[in-house]
Amino acid sequence: MAVTAEIAKREVVREQIAMRRFEVPDLDRHGGWITDRLLKAYPHRTARDLAGWLRGIIYSNEFLFLYQEHGVALATVTRAHPLEMKPVVQEMFVFVKEGHDREAVAFYDEFVRWGKNQGVDAVMVEAMSDVPHDMIKERMGRLFTRQVVFARL
């Protein structure tokens, strides 16, 4: 009985969160605040430019653009290095309205599911996420850190 209780304690119960792919009509409802967030990160772009870019990737198979009532997430499949055999899933952003972190962490489940369907064995996370590190770690398990060394030109 104690073994069963221990196993049950370790299992993570994941509630079903209403989530779907982002659609063009969603830009009318959420495009403004998404664009505002992206403008803070990329001030050299314009709101019109970013809205056009978002519209262009919505139906691209190289991107996974997800929608929840209080959040959005975008990931892409890319190659970490040209000589690597397998691509990686790269989080581009996970934006969530304040107080809805618990719902938004479910985006990471979808990144993993999508990546596995494409033969990917790594998901790069925390690029631009409103979900706290500890929540992501709790959901995905052990997280690894890779250091990048670069020079500005």
Protein backbone atom coordinates (compact mmCIF):
# COMPACT_ATOMS: atom_id res chain seq x y z
CA MET A 1 0.00 0.00 0.00
CA ALA A 2 2.85 2.40 0.82
CA VAL A 3 4.42 1.77 -2.60
CA THR A 4 1.17 2.65 -4.36
CA ALA A 5 0.82 5.83 -2.32
CA GLU A 6 4.41 6.79 -3.16
CA ILE A 7 3.83 6.24 -6.89
CA ALA A 8 0.61 8.25 -6.75
CA LYS A 9 2.44 11.05 -4.98
CA ARG A 10 5.07 11.20 -7.75
CA GLU A 11 2.58 11.30 -10.59
CA VAL A 12 1.80 14.77 -11.86
CA VAL A 13 -1.89 15.28 -12.46
CA ARG A 14 -2.30 17.59 -15.42
CA GLU A 15 -5.62 19.30 -15.71
CA GLN A 16 -7.06 19.81 -19.15
CA ILE A 17 -6.57 23.41 -20.24
CA ALA A 18 -8.53 24.70 -23.22
CA MET A 19 -5.80 25.23 -25.81
CA ARG A 20 -5.73 25.31 -29.59
CA ARG A 21 -3.69 26.61 -32.49
CA PHE A 22 -3.76 30.36 -32.91
CA GLU A 23 -5.95 31.48 -35.84
CA VAL A 24 -6.04 34.69 -37.90
CA PRO A 25 -9.25 35.93 -36.15
CA ASP A 26 -7.38 35.69 -32.82
CA LEU A 27 -5.14 38.53 -34.01
CA ASP A 28 -8.12 40.89 -33.72
CA ARG A 29 -8.63 39.92 -30.09
CA HIS A 30 -5.04 39.40 -28.88
CA GLY A 31 -2.80 40.87 -31.56
CA GLY A 32 -2.50 44.24 -29.82
CA TRP A 33 -1.08 43.04 -26.53
CA ILE A 34 1.12 40.43 -28.22
CA THR A 35 2.53 43.09 -30.53
CA ASP A 36 3.13 45.42 -27.57
CA ARG A 37 5.12 42.70 -25.79
CA LEU A 38 7.16 41.95 -28.91
CA LEU A 39 7.86 45.66 -29.47
CA LYS A 40 9.46 45.84 -26.02
CA ALA A 41 11.81 42.99 -26.95
CA TYR A 42 12.39 44.15 -30.54
CA PRO A 43 12.10 47.97 -30.50
CA HIS A 44 13.64 48.25 -33.99
CA ARG A 45 10.49 46.65 -35.46
CA THR A 46 7.12 48.32 -36.00
CA ALA A 47 3.70 47.16 -34.81
CA ARG A 48 2.59 46.74 -38.41
CA ASP A 49 5.69 44.72 -39.25
CA LEU A 50 5.16 42.39 -36.28
CA ALA A 51 1.45 41.94 -37.01
CA GLY A 52 2.31 40.97 -40.59
CA TRP A 53 4.96 38.55 -39.39
CA LEU A 54 2.52 36.91 -36.95
CA ARG A 55 -0.12 36.65 -39.68
CA GLY A 56 2.44 35.01 -41.96
CA ILE A 57 3.48 32.27 -39.52
CA ILE A 58 0.06 31.28 -38.20
CA TYR A 59 -0.41 28.46 -40.70
CA SER A 60 3.26 27.55 -41.20
CA ASN A 61 4.17 23.98 -40.28
CA GLU A 62 7.55 25.21 -39.01
CA PHE A 63 5.83 27.08 -36.17
CA LEU A 64 3.53 26.03 -33.37
CA PHE A 65 1.46 29.07 -32.41
CA LEU A 66 -0.88 28.24 -29.52
CA TYR A 67 -3.75 30.06 -27.88
CA GLN A 68 -5.35 29.94 -24.45
CA GLU A 69 -7.91 32.33 -23.05
CA HIS A 70 -5.22 34.18 -21.08
CA GLY A 71 -2.03 33.38 -22.93
CA VAL A 72 -0.24 32.60 -26.17
CA ALA A 73 2.89 30.64 -27.03
CA LEU A 74 5.06 30.35 -30.10
CA ALA A 75 7.72 27.75 -30.85
CA THR A 76 9.59 26.78 -33.99
CA VAL A 77 11.52 23.80 -35.23
CA THR A 78 15.08 24.75 -36.13
CA ARG A 79 18.55 23.28 -36.40
CA ALA A 80 20.89 24.13 -33.54
CA HIS A 81 23.84 23.47 -35.85
CA PRO A 82 23.96 22.62 -39.58
CA LEU A 83 25.80 19.35 -38.91
CA GLU A 84 23.35 18.11 -36.27
CA MET A 85 21.08 15.32 -37.45
CA LYS A 86 18.04 16.25 -35.41
CA PRO A 87 16.38 19.63 -35.19
CA VAL A 88 15.28 21.19 -31.89
CA VAL A 89 12.11 22.92 -30.80
CA GLN A 90 12.93 26.52 -29.89
CA GLU A 91 10.52 28.48 -27.73
CA MET A 92 10.13 31.95 -29.18
CA PHE A 93 7.78 33.26 -26.50
CA VAL A 94 5.20 32.28 -23.91
CA PHE A 95 3.13 35.30 -22.91
CA VAL A 96 0.47 35.05 -20.24
CA LYS A 97 -1.72 37.57 -18.49
CA GLU A 98 -0.86 38.05 -14.84
CA GLY A 99 -2.15 35.38 -12.49
CA HIS A 100 -2.55 32.65 -15.11
CA ASP A 101 0.89 30.99 -14.88
CA ARG A 102 -0.59 27.62 -13.88
CA GLU A 103 -2.60 27.50 -17.12
CA ALA A 104 0.28 28.66 -19.31
CA VAL A 105 2.69 25.96 -18.16
CA ALA A 106 0.57 23.54 -20.23
CA PHE A 107 2.08 25.14 -23.36
CA TYR A 108 5.28 23.24 -22.58
CA ASP A 109 3.42 19.93 -22.76
CA GLU A 110 2.37 20.85 -26.29
CA PHE A 111 5.93 21.86 -27.25
CA VAL A 112 7.11 18.42 -26.10
CA ARG A 113 4.28 16.57 -27.86
CA TRP A 114 4.87 18.51 -31.10
CA GLY A 115 8.62 17.94 -30.92
CA LYS A 116 8.29 14.20 -30.34
CA ASN A 117 6.04 13.93 -33.39
CA GLN A 118 8.87 15.47 -35.43
CA GLY A 119 11.64 13.30 -34.02
CA VAL A 120 13.10 16.09 -31.90
CA ASP A 121 14.86 15.22 -28.65
CA ALA A 122 15.44 18.71 -27.19
CA VAL A 123 13.21 21.69 -26.45
CA MET A 124 14.95 25.02 -25.86
CA VAL A 125 12.93 26.91 -23.24
CA GLU A 126 12.85 30.20 -21.33
CA ALA A 127 13.70 32.35 -24.34
CA MET A 128 10.97 34.87 -23.50
CA SER A 129 8.59 33.29 -21.02
CA ASP A 130 6.23 34.65 -18.40
CA VAL A 131 6.10 31.21 -16.78
CA PRO A 132 8.50 30.98 -13.81
CA HIS A 133 11.52 28.68 -14.11
CA ASP A 134 10.39 26.45 -11.25
CA MET A 135 7.02 25.78 -12.90
CA ILE A 136 8.69 24.86 -16.19
CA LYS A 137 11.14 22.60 -14.36
CA GLU A 138 8.31 20.94 -12.44
CA ARG A 139 6.47 20.26 -15.69
CA MET A 140 9.37 19.21 -17.92
CA GLY A 141 11.73 17.63 -15.41
CA ARG A 142 15.43 18.32 -15.35
CA LEU A 143 16.46 21.41 -17.33
CA PHE A 144 19.95 21.90 -18.73
CA THR A 145 21.83 25.13 -19.36
CA ARG A 146 23.99 25.83 -22.39
CA GLN A 147 26.37 28.78 -22.35
CA VAL A 148 26.83 30.85 -25.50
CA VAL A 149 29.94 32.96 -25.97
CA PHE A 150 29.78 35.77 -28.55
CA ALA A 151 31.26 39.11 -29.51
CA ARG A 152 29.33 42.19 -30.57
CA LEU A 153 30.34 43.65 -33.91
